[in-house]
Amino acid sequence: MAQLVFTQQLGRFMTVPQVETSAADLRSALDAAFADHPRLRGYVLDEQGCLRENVVIFIDGQRSRERKILNDALAPHSKVYILQALSGG
């Protein structure tokens, strides 16, 4: 099972889950996490269902570049980190 880890930056807004899923792609994995934790969706995706500008996702140590379709493939034992990126100067 792939594991989704929502890092502690989101912890100031809600309890941050770790979710295991058999989803084959990132979008399906996120949808599974949102089904159990619906408030999380608004912190990760915008109103069009795209990744928010301040959110970054790493799959097995590689940054996901696709922000709209979110169709990155997941391996059965992938580790996915979802975090808020730091911005400012």
C-alpha atoms as a PDB file:
ATOM      1  CA  MET A   1       0.000   0.000   0.000  1.00  0.00           C
ATOM      2  CA  ALA A   2       1.215   3.495  -0.831  1.00  0.00           C
ATOM      3  CA  GLN A   3       1.444   5.857   2.127  1.00  0.00           C
ATOM      4  CA  LEU A   4       0.400   9.515   2.069  1.00  0.00           C
ATOM      5  CA  VAL A   5       2.002  11.678   4.734  1.00  0.00           C
ATOM      6  CA  PHE A   6       0.544  15.128   5.322  1.00  0.00           C
ATOM      7  CA  THR A   7       3.323  17.025   7.068  1.00  0.00           C
ATOM      8  CA  GLN A   8       2.896  18.967  10.261  1.00  0.00           C
ATOM      9  CA  GLN A   9       2.607  22.396   8.604  1.00  0.00           C
ATOM     10  CA  LEU A  10      -1.060  21.510   8.093  1.00  0.00           C
ATOM     11  CA  GLY A  11      -1.264  20.509  11.765  1.00  0.00           C
ATOM     12  CA  ARG A  12      -2.021  24.056  12.847  1.00  0.00           C
ATOM     13  CA  PHE A  13      -5.343  23.780  10.975  1.00  0.00           C
ATOM     14  CA  MET A  14      -6.427  20.195  11.735  1.00  0.00           C
ATOM     15  CA  THR A  15      -5.311  16.746  12.765  1.00  0.00           C
ATOM     16  CA  VAL A  16      -2.892  15.586  10.098  1.00  0.00           C
ATOM     17  CA  PRO A  17      -3.500  12.023   8.915  1.00  0.00           C
ATOM     18  CA  GLN A  18      -1.256   9.402   7.419  1.00  0.00           C
ATOM     19  CA  VAL A  19      -3.254   7.485   4.846  1.00  0.00           C
ATOM     20  CA  GLU A  20      -2.538   4.121   3.252  1.00  0.00           C
ATOM     21  CA  THR A  21      -4.069   3.469  -0.141  1.00  0.00           C
ATOM     22  CA  SER A  22      -3.890   1.011  -3.006  1.00  0.00           C
ATOM     23  CA  ALA A  23      -4.506   3.832  -5.522  1.00  0.00           C
ATOM     24  CA  ALA A  24      -2.452   3.644  -8.712  1.00  0.00           C
ATOM     25  CA  ASP A  25      -2.073   7.414  -9.178  1.00  0.00           C
ATOM     26  CA  LEU A  26      -1.778  10.561  -7.091  1.00  0.00           C
ATOM     27  CA  ARG A  27      -5.267  11.937  -7.838  1.00  0.00           C
ATOM     28  CA  SER A  28      -6.942   8.701  -6.737  1.00  0.00           C
ATOM     29  CA  ALA A  29      -4.791   8.559  -3.609  1.00  0.00           C
ATOM     30  CA  LEU A  30      -5.681  12.135  -2.675  1.00  0.00           C
ATOM     31  CA  ASP A  31      -9.375  11.465  -3.329  1.00  0.00           C
ATOM     32  CA  ALA A  32      -9.190   8.488  -0.949  1.00  0.00           C
ATOM     33  CA  ALA A  33      -7.614  10.684   1.734  1.00  0.00           C
ATOM     34  CA  PHE A  34     -10.222  13.416   1.227  1.00  0.00           C
ATOM     35  CA  ALA A  35     -13.061  10.899   1.499  1.00  0.00           C
ATOM     36  CA  ASP A  36     -11.983  10.200   5.091  1.00  0.00           C
ATOM     37  CA  HIS A  37     -10.768  13.746   5.858  1.00  0.00           C
ATOM     38  CA  PRO A  38     -12.936  16.159   3.805  1.00  0.00           C
ATOM     39  CA  ARG A  39     -11.619  19.373   5.445  1.00  0.00           C
ATOM     40  CA  LEU A  40      -8.153  18.533   4.166  1.00  0.00           C
ATOM     41  CA  ARG A  41      -9.210  19.011   0.524  1.00  0.00           C
ATOM     42  CA  GLY A  42      -9.461  22.793   0.823  1.00  0.00           C
ATOM     43  CA  TYR A  43      -5.924  23.083   2.170  1.00  0.00           C
ATOM     44  CA  VAL A  44      -4.432  20.957  -0.616  1.00  0.00           C
ATOM     45  CA  LEU A  45      -6.558  21.672  -3.709  1.00  0.00           C
ATOM     46  CA  ASP A  46      -8.062  24.895  -5.030  1.00  0.00           C
ATOM     47  CA  GLU A  47     -11.651  25.374  -6.237  1.00  0.00           C
ATOM     48  CA  GLN A  48     -10.811  23.877  -9.662  1.00  0.00           C
ATOM     49  CA  GLY A  49      -9.298  20.743  -8.102  1.00  0.00           C
ATOM     50  CA  CYS A  50      -5.705  21.770  -8.869  1.00  0.00           C
ATOM     51  CA  LEU A  51      -2.878  21.704  -6.382  1.00  0.00           C
ATOM     52  CA  ARG A  52      -2.714  24.975  -4.458  1.00  0.00           C
ATOM     53  CA  GLU A  53       0.284  27.182  -5.221  1.00  0.00           C
ATOM     54  CA  ASN A  54       1.623  26.838  -1.679  1.00  0.00           C
ATOM     55  CA  VAL A  55       1.470  23.022  -1.640  1.00  0.00           C
ATOM     56  CA  VAL A  56       4.274  20.735  -2.819  1.00  0.00           C
ATOM     57  CA  ILE A  57       4.108  16.957  -3.217  1.00  0.00           C
ATOM     58  CA  PHE A  58       7.039  14.543  -3.241  1.00  0.00           C
ATOM     59  CA  ILE A  59       6.607  10.952  -4.427  1.00  0.00           C
ATOM     60  CA  ASP A  60       9.435   8.623  -3.451  1.00  0.00           C
ATOM     61  CA  GLY A  61      11.756  11.608  -3.051  1.00  0.00           C
ATOM     62  CA  GLN A  62      10.894  13.201  -6.422  1.00  0.00           C
ATOM     63  CA  ARG A  63       8.902  16.418  -6.636  1.00  0.00           C
ATOM     64  CA  SER A  64       5.626  16.097  -8.507  1.00  0.00           C
ATOM     65  CA  ARG A  65       5.569  18.680 -11.314  1.00  0.00           C
ATOM     66  CA  GLU A  66       2.012  18.069 -12.522  1.00  0.00           C
ATOM     67  CA  ARG A  67      -0.307  20.401 -10.561  1.00  0.00           C
ATOM     68  CA  LYS A  68      -3.616  20.059 -12.457  1.00  0.00           C
ATOM     69  CA  ILE A  69      -4.298  16.479 -13.469  1.00  0.00           C
ATOM     70  CA  LEU A  70      -2.214  14.963 -10.638  1.00  0.00           C
ATOM     71  CA  ASN A  71      -1.770  11.759 -12.609  1.00  0.00           C
ATOM     72  CA  ASP A  72       1.665  10.778 -11.254  1.00  0.00           C
ATOM     73  CA  ALA A  73       1.867   6.994 -10.976  1.00  0.00           C
ATOM     74  CA  LEU A  74       2.255   5.401  -7.561  1.00  0.00           C
ATOM     75  CA  ALA A  75       4.056   2.136  -6.911  1.00  0.00           C
ATOM     76  CA  PRO A  76       2.570  -0.288  -4.375  1.00  0.00           C
ATOM     77  CA  HIS A  77       4.995   0.922  -1.681  1.00  0.00           C
ATOM     78  CA  SER A  78       5.326   4.583  -2.673  1.00  0.00           C
ATOM     79  CA  LYS A  79       5.750   7.190   0.034  1.00  0.00           C
ATOM     80  CA  VAL A  80       4.016  10.483  -0.759  1.00  0.00           C
ATOM     81  CA  TYR A  81       4.687  13.645   1.244  1.00  0.00           C
ATOM     82  CA  ILE A  82       2.221  16.524   0.977  1.00  0.00           C
ATOM     83  CA  LEU A  83       3.465  19.775   2.480  1.00  0.00           C
ATOM     84  CA  GLN A  84       2.963  23.495   2.397  1.00  0.00           C
ATOM     85  CA  ALA A  85       5.845  25.225   0.669  1.00  0.00           C
ATOM     86  CA  LEU A  86       7.489  28.179   2.358  1.00  0.00           C
ATOM     87  CA  SER A  87       7.288  31.475   0.553  1.00  0.00           C
ATOM     88  CA  GLY A  88       8.327  35.022   1.155  1.00  0.00           C
ATOM     89  CA  GLY A  89      11.675  36.622   1.462  1.00  0.00           C
END
